[in-house]
Amino acid sequence: MKSLRHVLILAIAFFCTLSGSNSTALAQNWAQWRGGNMDGISSAKNLPAEWDKSKNVVWRTELPGPGGATPVIWDDHVFVTSTDGDDLVLICLDLDGKLRWQQKVSQGDKVVRGDEGNAASPSPSTDGKHVYVMFTNGALGCYDFDGKSVWSVDLQERFGQFKIAFGMTSTPVLYGDHLYLQLIHGEGNPQTREAVIAALDKSTGETVWKTGRPSEAHSENEHSYASPTIYKDKKQAYLLTHGADYVIAHDLNDGHEIWRCGGLHPPTRYDPTLRFVASPLAIANLIIVPSAKAGITLALKPNGKGDITGKKEHQYWSFNITPDVPSPLVLDDIVYLCRQNGNLIALDKATGEQFYEARTHRDRHRASPVYADGKIFLCGRDGTVSVCKPGTEFELIAQNRLEEGLAASPAIAGNRIYLRTFNALYAIGSK
């Protein structure tokens, strides 16, 4: 009997060890453009604070063309999109930066806003079995980890021609068995209502549901370059879409509207150029909603119903500055906003009270901030990465220059920071 008990104890210990190891491994992956939890936070440790081209660069792999997509990492697979001439490609590397495979997904690159972006702007997503990739022309595909195509979809053929100035840069969000899309665009007339929100079966690419997204927005404001995200807590989960003057919550099962919140523009006049670029950040019991340019940032309660615009009972606070392009970051009790000019703002999560606004690096900031290992990483357009210490007082730890243009948000996995410049993919880590 004692022997049997001993065997059972050993078996339980063994399986617990396996389970713990697997959980740890999963936590080290970066599965979507803002990480596995869609919050820009990684549990990685032992990350360097300083680097340059000759220091703490584990490898640099030249890519065939420019792109603005964040890489995603799962175990020993690194996925990144790129252009290759006029081809739009998905690339898979190993953890040594060596090419595993490259697949052509579509063709027809389009450079926008000078060198600001191109067709390889949406980021891939992975569930550990397949990788899902979209380009601004609406080409959407699913591939296995060996590079074999599982399914492909032309979103413009399925949901209508995109009418958006700088391409459909929105990254689909992967959650459960579905891939959720926000295709918020239009010809400037709100009565035509071209915008579509949809859920696709991740196994087949078939449409599970689609719904319109009505709005009074007009002119450029009908366009959105933001990405959807998922709100979830112990009681509920829903899809958040952001654009055309509103953040809107949708039921995950059929897409119906649960609530919407507008009032994100400056109160004095309607600016027809305030299209949304930054995406909301959702954590349990809190949704941080950015807007555009001279707009505001809202902290919303998650339990709204109907139109909650201007209803103070559904707001924690409102702040009169928005990050505009980079998405927000929340750590412990502090909300961080990285402004397009590189200024970092720290706010009290509960009240919206400002702790500080401090200058980091005076260049355009297109990438969203990420956090790991006691460090906040902010990426300037010229490739300068500012490393800041979290807290109520500003502390700049280091500034690192790669001297290559950069618009993609960083990814962090294992003990490495992955930076996609316009020329290459870098793995930054202690050697």
Protein backbone atom coordinates (compact mmCIF):
# COMPACT_ATOMS: atom_id res chain seq x y z
CA MET A 1 0.00 0.00 0.00
CA LYS A 2 2.83 2.35 0.96
CA SER A 3 4.54 1.51 -2.31
CA LEU A 4 1.42 2.34 -4.32
CA ARG A 5 1.01 5.63 -2.43
CA HIS A 6 4.63 6.45 -3.15
CA VAL A 7 4.14 5.81 -6.87
CA LEU A 8 1.02 7.97 -6.94
CA ILE A 9 2.80 10.82 -5.18
CA LEU A 10 5.68 10.65 -7.64
CA ALA A 11 3.26 10.60 -10.58
CA ILE A 12 1.35 13.61 -9.30
CA ALA A 13 4.60 15.49 -8.71
CA PHE A 14 5.75 14.62 -12.22
CA PHE A 15 2.58 15.90 -13.90
CA CYS A 16 2.59 19.04 -11.75
CA THR A 17 6.14 19.71 -12.88
CA LEU A 18 5.14 19.27 -16.51
CA SER A 19 2.15 21.55 -16.08
CA GLY A 20 4.23 24.22 -14.38
CA SER A 21 6.93 24.03 -17.02
CA ASN A 22 4.35 24.33 -19.79
CA SER A 23 2.71 27.34 -18.11
CA THR A 24 6.09 28.99 -17.81
CA ALA A 25 6.87 28.29 -21.48
CA LEU A 26 3.54 29.71 -22.60
CA ALA A 27 4.11 32.86 -20.56
CA GLN A 28 7.38 33.44 -22.41
CA ASN A 29 5.75 33.57 -25.85
CA TRP A 30 4.63 36.75 -27.62
CA ALA A 31 1.61 35.58 -29.57
CA GLN A 32 0.05 38.86 -30.79
CA TRP A 33 1.18 42.39 -31.47
CA ARG A 34 0.79 43.42 -27.81
CA GLY A 35 1.67 40.03 -26.36
CA GLY A 36 -0.31 37.03 -25.19
CA ASN A 37 -2.54 39.07 -22.87
CA MET A 38 -2.84 41.96 -25.35
CA ASP A 39 -1.48 44.39 -22.74
CA GLY A 40 2.13 45.01 -23.85
CA ILE A 41 3.55 43.21 -20.80
CA SER A 42 5.96 40.28 -20.71
CA SER A 43 7.13 38.15 -17.78
CA ALA A 44 10.61 37.85 -19.32
CA LYS A 45 13.65 38.46 -17.12
CA ASN A 46 17.33 39.26 -17.54
CA LEU A 47 16.82 41.76 -20.35
CA PRO A 48 19.57 44.28 -21.06
CA ALA A 49 18.89 47.97 -20.56
CA GLU A 50 21.65 49.02 -22.93
CA TRP A 51 22.65 48.00 -26.42
CA ASP A 52 24.02 49.20 -29.72
CA LYS A 53 25.10 47.47 -32.93
CA SER A 54 28.16 46.05 -31.18
CA LYS A 55 26.73 45.41 -27.71
CA ASN A 56 23.99 42.99 -26.60
CA VAL A 57 22.86 42.24 -30.15
CA VAL A 58 22.41 38.46 -30.25
CA TRP A 59 21.74 38.57 -33.99
CA ARG A 60 20.60 40.78 -36.81
CA THR A 61 18.83 39.21 -39.78
CA GLU A 62 18.39 41.26 -42.94
CA LEU A 63 14.82 41.21 -44.24
CA PRO A 64 13.89 41.37 -47.94
CA GLY A 65 11.97 44.63 -47.60
CA PRO A 66 10.49 47.14 -45.16
CA GLY A 67 7.48 46.62 -42.90
CA GLY A 68 5.85 47.95 -39.76
CA ALA A 69 4.51 44.73 -38.27
CA THR A 70 5.50 43.48 -34.83
CA PRO A 71 7.05 39.99 -34.91
CA VAL A 72 5.42 37.18 -32.93
CA ILE A 73 7.31 34.40 -31.17
CA TRP A 74 6.22 30.93 -30.12
CA ASP A 75 8.82 28.61 -28.59
CA ASP A 76 11.60 28.45 -31.19
CA HIS A 77 9.65 30.04 -34.06
CA VAL A 78 9.83 33.75 -34.90
CA PHE A 79 7.29 35.05 -37.42
CA VAL A 80 7.44 38.40 -39.17
CA THR A 81 5.83 39.88 -42.28
CA SER A 82 7.68 41.79 -44.94
CA THR A 83 7.66 42.98 -48.48
CA ASP A 84 9.93 41.36 -51.05
CA GLY A 85 9.77 43.62 -54.06
CA ASP A 86 6.07 43.67 -54.86
CA ASP A 87 5.43 40.40 -53.00
CA LEU A 88 3.88 40.34 -49.53
CA VAL A 89 5.51 37.57 -47.52
CA LEU A 90 5.44 35.74 -44.21
CA ILE A 91 8.86 34.80 -42.86
CA CYS A 92 9.72 32.25 -40.20
CA LEU A 93 13.09 32.33 -38.41
CA ASP A 94 14.57 30.18 -35.67
CA LEU A 95 15.95 31.54 -32.40
CA ASP A 96 19.36 31.95 -34.00
CA GLY A 97 17.91 34.27 -36.62
CA LYS A 98 18.25 31.67 -39.38
CA LEU A 99 15.58 31.40 -42.06
CA ARG A 100 13.27 28.41 -41.69
CA TRP A 101 10.99 29.38 -44.58
CA GLN A 102 9.41 32.24 -46.49
CA GLN A 103 5.95 32.15 -48.04
CA LYS A 104 4.38 34.56 -50.51
CA VAL A 105 0.91 35.46 -49.22
CA SER A 106 -0.07 38.10 -51.79
CA GLN A 107 1.36 40.84 -53.94
CA GLY A 108 0.84 44.53 -54.51
CA ASP A 109 2.82 46.57 -52.01
CA LYS A 110 1.72 50.14 -51.40
CA VAL A 111 3.98 52.68 -49.69
CA VAL A 112 2.08 55.35 -47.76
CA ARG A 113 3.01 58.67 -46.12
CA GLY A 114 6.49 58.69 -47.59
CA ASP A 115 8.33 55.99 -45.70
CA GLU A 116 5.88 55.81 -42.79
CA GLY A 117 4.28 52.53 -43.77
CA ASN A 118 3.47 49.98 -46.42
CA ALA A 119 1.34 46.87 -46.99
CA ALA A 120 3.24 44.90 -44.32
CA SER A 121 1.83 46.90 -41.40
CA PRO A 122 -0.69 44.56 -39.65
CA SER A 123 1.03 42.10 -37.31
CA PRO A 124 0.75 38.30 -37.33
CA SER A 125 -0.88 36.27 -34.54
CA THR A 126 -0.34 32.67 -33.46
CA ASP A 127 -2.01 30.09 -31.24
CA GLY A 128 1.03 27.82 -31.13
CA LYS A 129 -0.23 25.60 -33.97
CA HIS A 130 -0.92 28.07 -36.76
CA VAL A 131 0.09 31.60 -37.62
CA TYR A 132 -2.42 34.11 -39.02
CA VAL A 133 -1.28 36.98 -41.19
CA MET A 134 -2.97 39.94 -42.87
CA PHE A 135 -1.77 42.69 -45.20
CA THR A 136 -3.29 46.10 -45.85
CA ASN A 137 -4.74 44.96 -49.19
CA GLY A 138 -7.04 42.52 -47.34
CA ALA A 139 -5.05 39.35 -48.01
CA LEU A 140 -5.54 37.14 -44.94
CA GLY A 141 -4.03 33.70 -44.55
CA CYS A 142 -3.46 30.87 -42.10
CA TYR A 143 -0.25 28.80 -42.16
CA ASP A 144 1.05 25.90 -40.14
CA PHE A 145 4.47 26.06 -38.50
CA ASP A 146 6.07 24.36 -41.50
CA GLY A 147 4.88 27.13 -43.81
CA LYS A 148 2.04 25.19 -45.43
CA SER A 149 -1.05 27.22 -46.34
CA VAL A 150 -4.17 26.09 -44.45
CA TRP A 151 -6.59 28.67 -45.85
CA SER A 152 -6.61 32.11 -47.44
CA VAL A 153 -9.19 34.88 -47.80
CA ASP A 154 -9.43 38.11 -49.80
CA LEU A 155 -11.26 40.38 -47.36
CA GLN A 156 -12.10 42.96 -50.01
CA GLU A 157 -13.80 40.32 -52.12
CA ARG A 158 -15.74 39.07 -49.10
CA PHE A 159 -16.62 42.31 -47.31
CA GLY A 160 -16.29 45.05 -49.94
CA GLN A 161 -13.58 47.31 -51.31
CA PHE A 162 -11.53 49.16 -48.71
CA LYS A 163 -11.94 52.92 -48.82
CA ILE A 164 -9.19 54.12 -46.52
CA ALA A 165 -6.38 56.56 -47.20
CA PHE A 166 -3.36 54.70 -45.79
CA GLY A 167 -4.35 51.06 -46.05
CA MET A 168 -6.14 48.69 -43.68
CA THR A 169 -3.45 48.54 -40.98
CA SER A 170 -5.71 47.07 -38.29
CA THR A 171 -4.36 43.79 -36.86
CA PRO A 172 -6.98 41.04 -36.30
CA VAL A 173 -7.25 39.78 -32.73
CA LEU A 174 -7.10 36.04 -32.07
CA TYR A 175 -9.26 34.82 -29.20
CA GLY A 176 -10.65 31.35 -28.58
CA ASP A 177 -11.68 29.72 -31.85
CA HIS A 178 -12.13 32.96 -33.76
CA LEU A 179 -10.20 35.69 -35.50
CA TYR A 180 -11.91 39.05 -34.98
CA LEU A 181 -11.62 41.84 -37.57
CA GLN A 182 -12.46 45.53 -37.57
CA LEU A 183 -12.66 46.95 -41.08
CA ILE A 184 -13.55 50.57 -40.32
CA HIS A 185 -13.37 52.71 -43.45
CA GLY A 186 -15.57 54.67 -45.81
CA GLU A 187 -15.82 57.29 -48.51
CA GLY A 188 -16.57 60.13 -46.09
CA ASN A 189 -20.36 59.77 -46.13
CA PRO A 190 -21.66 58.24 -42.87
CA GLN A 191 -24.90 57.22 -44.59
CA THR A 192 -23.11 54.60 -46.72
CA ARG A 193 -21.80 52.69 -43.67
CA GLU A 194 -19.03 50.65 -45.31
CA ALA A 195 -17.52 49.61 -41.97
CA VAL A 196 -17.74 45.91 -41.08
CA ILE A 197 -16.92 43.98 -37.90
CA ALA A 198 -16.53 40.23 -38.39
CA ALA A 199 -15.53 36.99 -36.73
CA LEU A 200 -13.87 34.21 -38.74
CA ASP A 201 -13.46 30.57 -37.80
CA LYS A 202 -9.72 30.28 -37.22
CA SER A 203 -9.68 26.68 -38.50
CA THR A 204 -11.35 27.35 -41.85
CA GLY A 205 -11.44 31.11 -42.47
CA GLU A 206 -15.24 30.95 -42.88
CA THR A 207 -17.29 33.89 -41.66
CA VAL A 208 -18.99 33.12 -38.34
CA TRP A 209 -20.76 36.48 -38.19
CA LYS A 210 -20.49 39.99 -39.57
CA THR A 211 -22.17 43.20 -38.55
CA GLY A 212 -22.22 46.82 -39.63
CA ARG A 213 -20.86 49.58 -37.47
CA PRO A 214 -22.98 52.70 -37.89
CA SER A 215 -21.60 56.09 -36.94
CA GLU A 216 -22.09 59.80 -37.62
CA ALA A 217 -18.37 60.16 -38.38
CA HIS A 218 -17.50 61.76 -41.71
CA SER A 219 -14.51 62.71 -43.81
CA GLU A 220 -11.22 61.08 -42.67
CA ASN A 221 -12.80 60.19 -39.34
CA GLU A 222 -14.60 57.31 -41.01
CA HIS A 223 -11.18 55.64 -41.25
CA SER A 224 -9.51 53.76 -38.40
CA TYR A 225 -5.95 52.48 -38.18
CA ALA A 226 -6.43 51.05 -34.71
CA SER A 227 -6.77 47.35 -33.88
CA PRO A 228 -9.53 45.56 -31.99
CA THR A 229 -8.93 44.00 -28.60
CA ILE A 230 -10.70 41.81 -26.07
CA TYR A 231 -12.05 42.89 -22.71
CA LYS A 232 -12.32 40.04 -20.20
CA ASP A 233 -12.78 39.53 -16.50
CA LYS A 234 -14.14 36.70 -14.35
CA LYS A 235 -17.74 37.46 -15.40
CA GLN A 236 -17.65 38.58 -19.01
CA ALA A 237 -15.67 38.93 -22.23
CA TYR A 238 -16.40 41.04 -25.31
CA LEU A 239 -14.79 42.57 -28.38
CA LEU A 240 -13.73 46.22 -28.46
CA THR A 241 -13.51 48.08 -31.78
CA HIS A 242 -12.13 51.58 -32.07
CA GLY A 243 -12.74 54.12 -34.81
CA ALA A 244 -15.21 56.45 -36.54
CA ASP A 245 -15.52 58.58 -33.38
CA TYR A 246 -16.48 55.69 -31.07
CA VAL A 247 -15.16 52.82 -29.02
CA ILE A 248 -17.78 50.06 -29.18
CA ALA A 249 -18.22 46.79 -27.30
CA HIS A 250 -19.56 43.81 -29.29
CA ASP A 251 -20.86 40.43 -28.20
CA LEU A 252 -18.33 37.74 -29.10
CA ASN A 253 -20.98 35.25 -30.24
CA ASP A 254 -22.90 37.32 -32.78
CA GLY A 255 -21.31 40.79 -32.88
CA HIS A 256 -24.30 42.74 -31.59
CA GLU A 257 -23.52 46.06 -29.96
CA ILE A 258 -23.43 46.05 -26.15
CA TRP A 259 -22.38 49.65 -25.60
CA ARG A 260 -20.70 52.55 -27.34
CA CYS A 261 -18.86 55.62 -26.14
CA GLY A 262 -18.14 58.77 -28.14
CA GLY A 263 -17.29 62.29 -27.06
CA LEU A 264 -13.61 61.66 -27.79
CA HIS A 265 -13.07 64.79 -29.88
CA PRO A 266 -12.20 68.24 -28.53
CA PRO A 267 -15.49 69.80 -27.33
CA THR A 268 -15.19 73.09 -29.23
CA ARG A 269 -15.41 71.86 -32.82
CA TYR A 270 -15.48 68.71 -34.92
CA ASP A 271 -12.12 68.12 -36.60
CA PRO A 272 -12.64 65.92 -39.69
CA THR A 273 -9.01 64.68 -39.59
CA LEU A 274 -9.15 62.98 -36.17
CA ARG A 275 -9.08 59.35 -37.30
CA PHE A 276 -8.03 56.89 -34.59
CA VAL A 277 -4.64 55.17 -34.71
CA ALA A 278 -3.89 54.14 -31.12
CA SER A 279 -5.84 51.13 -29.82
CA PRO A 280 -7.62 50.81 -26.47
CA LEU A 281 -6.05 48.86 -23.60
CA ALA A 282 -8.33 46.55 -21.65
CA ILE A 283 -7.54 44.94 -18.30
CA ALA A 284 -9.92 43.61 -15.64
CA ASN A 285 -12.33 46.38 -14.54
CA LEU A 286 -10.67 49.08 -16.67
CA ILE A 287 -10.59 50.19 -20.32
CA ILE A 288 -8.20 52.97 -21.34
CA VAL A 289 -9.45 54.67 -24.50
CA PRO A 290 -7.14 56.96 -26.51
CA SER A 291 -8.37 59.24 -29.29
CA ALA A 292 -6.46 61.34 -31.84
CA LYS A 293 -4.27 64.45 -31.92
CA ALA A 294 -5.92 67.08 -29.73
CA GLY A 295 -8.45 64.64 -28.27
CA ILE A 296 -8.74 63.08 -24.81
CA THR A 297 -8.00 59.81 -23.04
CA LEU A 298 -10.87 58.13 -21.18
CA ALA A 299 -10.81 55.55 -18.40
CA LEU A 300 -14.04 53.57 -18.71
CA LYS A 301 -15.83 51.11 -16.47
CA PRO A 302 -16.55 47.86 -18.33
CA ASN A 303 -20.23 47.29 -17.47
CA GLY A 304 -21.93 49.78 -19.79
CA LYS A 305 -25.16 49.27 -21.75
CA GLY A 306 -26.34 51.30 -24.74
CA ASP A 307 -24.84 54.72 -25.52
CA ILE A 308 -22.67 55.75 -22.55
CA THR A 309 -21.23 58.88 -24.19
CA GLY A 310 -20.70 61.59 -21.58
CA LYS A 311 -22.21 59.52 -18.77
CA LYS A 312 -19.95 60.07 -15.78
CA GLU A 313 -21.24 56.97 -13.98
CA HIS A 314 -19.47 54.89 -16.64
CA GLN A 315 -16.17 56.79 -16.41
CA TYR A 316 -13.41 56.66 -13.87
CA TRP A 317 -11.79 59.78 -15.29
CA SER A 318 -10.99 61.82 -18.39
CA PHE A 319 -7.57 63.24 -19.25
CA ASN A 320 -7.11 66.11 -21.73
CA ILE A 321 -4.16 64.58 -23.65
CA THR A 322 -4.06 61.50 -25.85
CA PRO A 323 -1.04 59.49 -27.04
CA ASP A 324 -2.46 59.70 -30.62
CA VAL A 325 -0.40 56.88 -32.19
CA PRO A 326 1.19 54.64 -29.49
CA SER A 327 -1.30 52.62 -27.45
CA PRO A 328 -1.48 52.98 -23.64
CA LEU A 329 0.29 50.83 -21.06
CA VAL A 330 -0.90 50.02 -17.52
CA LEU A 331 1.45 48.77 -14.79
CA ASP A 332 0.18 48.23 -11.26
CA ASP A 333 -1.53 51.50 -10.31
CA ILE A 334 -0.14 53.70 -13.10
CA VAL A 335 -1.30 54.40 -16.66
CA TYR A 336 1.46 55.37 -19.10
CA LEU A 337 0.85 57.35 -22.28
CA CYS A 338 3.70 57.73 -24.77
CA ARG A 339 2.92 60.77 -26.90
CA GLN A 340 3.80 60.94 -30.56
CA ASN A 341 6.55 63.46 -29.69
CA GLY A 342 8.23 61.01 -27.30
CA ASN A 343 6.97 62.52 -24.05
CA LEU A 344 6.01 59.96 -21.43
CA ILE A 345 3.01 60.71 -19.19
CA ALA A 346 2.26 58.81 -15.97
CA LEU A 347 -1.26 58.95 -14.51
CA ASP A 348 -2.86 57.55 -11.39
CA LYS A 349 -4.93 54.57 -12.56
CA ALA A 350 -7.76 55.28 -10.10
CA THR A 351 -8.10 59.05 -10.48
CA GLY A 352 -6.32 60.15 -13.68
CA GLU A 353 -4.13 62.52 -11.65
CA GLN A 354 -0.90 63.27 -13.49
CA PHE A 355 2.33 62.27 -11.79
CA TYR A 356 4.58 63.63 -14.53
CA GLU A 357 5.09 64.37 -18.21
CA ALA A 358 8.74 63.99 -19.20
CA ARG A 359 10.72 64.16 -22.39
CA THR A 360 12.45 60.97 -23.55
CA HIS A 361 13.66 61.21 -27.14
CA ARG A 362 12.46 63.98 -29.42
CA ASP A 363 11.46 62.05 -32.49
CA ARG A 364 8.22 60.65 -33.84
CA HIS A 365 7.01 57.66 -31.81
CA ARG A 366 4.87 55.24 -33.81
CA ALA A 367 5.43 52.07 -31.77
CA SER A 368 3.48 51.21 -28.63
CA PRO A 369 5.35 50.94 -25.32
CA VAL A 370 6.04 47.53 -23.81
CA TYR A 371 7.18 46.41 -20.36
CA ALA A 372 9.30 43.60 -18.97
CA ASP A 373 11.91 43.02 -16.28
CA GLY A 374 11.31 46.35 -14.50
CA LYS A 375 11.73 48.37 -17.69
CA ILE A 376 9.46 50.31 -20.05
CA PHE A 377 10.67 50.38 -23.66
CA LEU A 378 9.72 53.31 -25.94
CA CYS A 379 10.74 53.27 -29.60
CA GLY A 380 11.43 56.36 -31.68
CA ARG A 381 11.03 56.45 -35.41
CA ASP A 382 14.80 56.82 -35.91
CA GLY A 383 15.49 53.55 -34.06
CA THR A 384 16.29 55.11 -30.68
CA VAL A 385 14.82 53.06 -27.83
CA SER A 386 14.36 54.83 -24.49
CA VAL A 387 14.34 52.60 -21.41
CA CYS A 388 12.47 54.01 -18.41
CA LYS A 389 11.88 52.84 -14.87
CA PRO A 390 8.21 52.50 -13.84
CA GLY A 391 6.99 54.63 -10.96
CA THR A 392 5.47 57.94 -9.98
CA GLU A 393 8.73 59.78 -10.70
CA PHE A 394 10.35 59.80 -14.11
CA GLU A 395 13.68 57.97 -14.44
CA LEU A 396 15.42 57.41 -17.76
CA ILE A 397 17.63 54.33 -17.46
CA ALA A 398 19.19 54.34 -20.92
CA GLN A 399 18.81 55.35 -24.55
CA ASN A 400 19.90 52.95 -27.26
CA ARG A 401 20.49 53.76 -30.93
CA LEU A 402 20.46 51.26 -33.77
CA GLU A 403 20.50 53.99 -36.41
CA GLU A 404 17.83 52.21 -38.45
CA GLY A 405 14.26 53.42 -38.96
CA LEU A 406 11.66 51.70 -36.79
CA ALA A 407 7.86 51.88 -36.64
CA ALA A 408 6.95 48.39 -35.36
CA SER A 409 6.19 47.80 -31.70
CA PRO A 410 8.73 45.57 -29.91
CA ALA A 411 8.11 41.94 -29.00
CA ILE A 412 9.62 40.28 -25.92
CA ALA A 413 10.04 36.55 -25.44
CA GLY A 414 12.45 34.41 -23.47
CA ASN A 415 15.24 36.75 -22.47
CA ARG A 416 15.25 38.75 -25.71
CA ILE A 417 13.76 41.91 -27.11
CA TYR A 418 12.85 41.68 -30.80
CA LEU A 419 13.00 44.90 -32.81
CA ARG A 420 11.78 45.02 -36.40
CA THR A 421 13.47 47.92 -38.15
CA PHE A 422 12.79 48.81 -41.76
CA ASN A 423 15.84 46.83 -42.80
CA ALA A 424 16.16 43.91 -40.42
CA LEU A 425 14.99 41.97 -37.39
CA TYR A 426 17.13 42.30 -34.26
CA ALA A 427 17.28 40.01 -31.26
CA ILE A 428 18.54 42.03 -28.28
CA GLY A 429 19.80 40.15 -25.23
CA SER A 430 22.72 39.60 -22.89
CA LYS A 431 25.34 37.43 -24.52
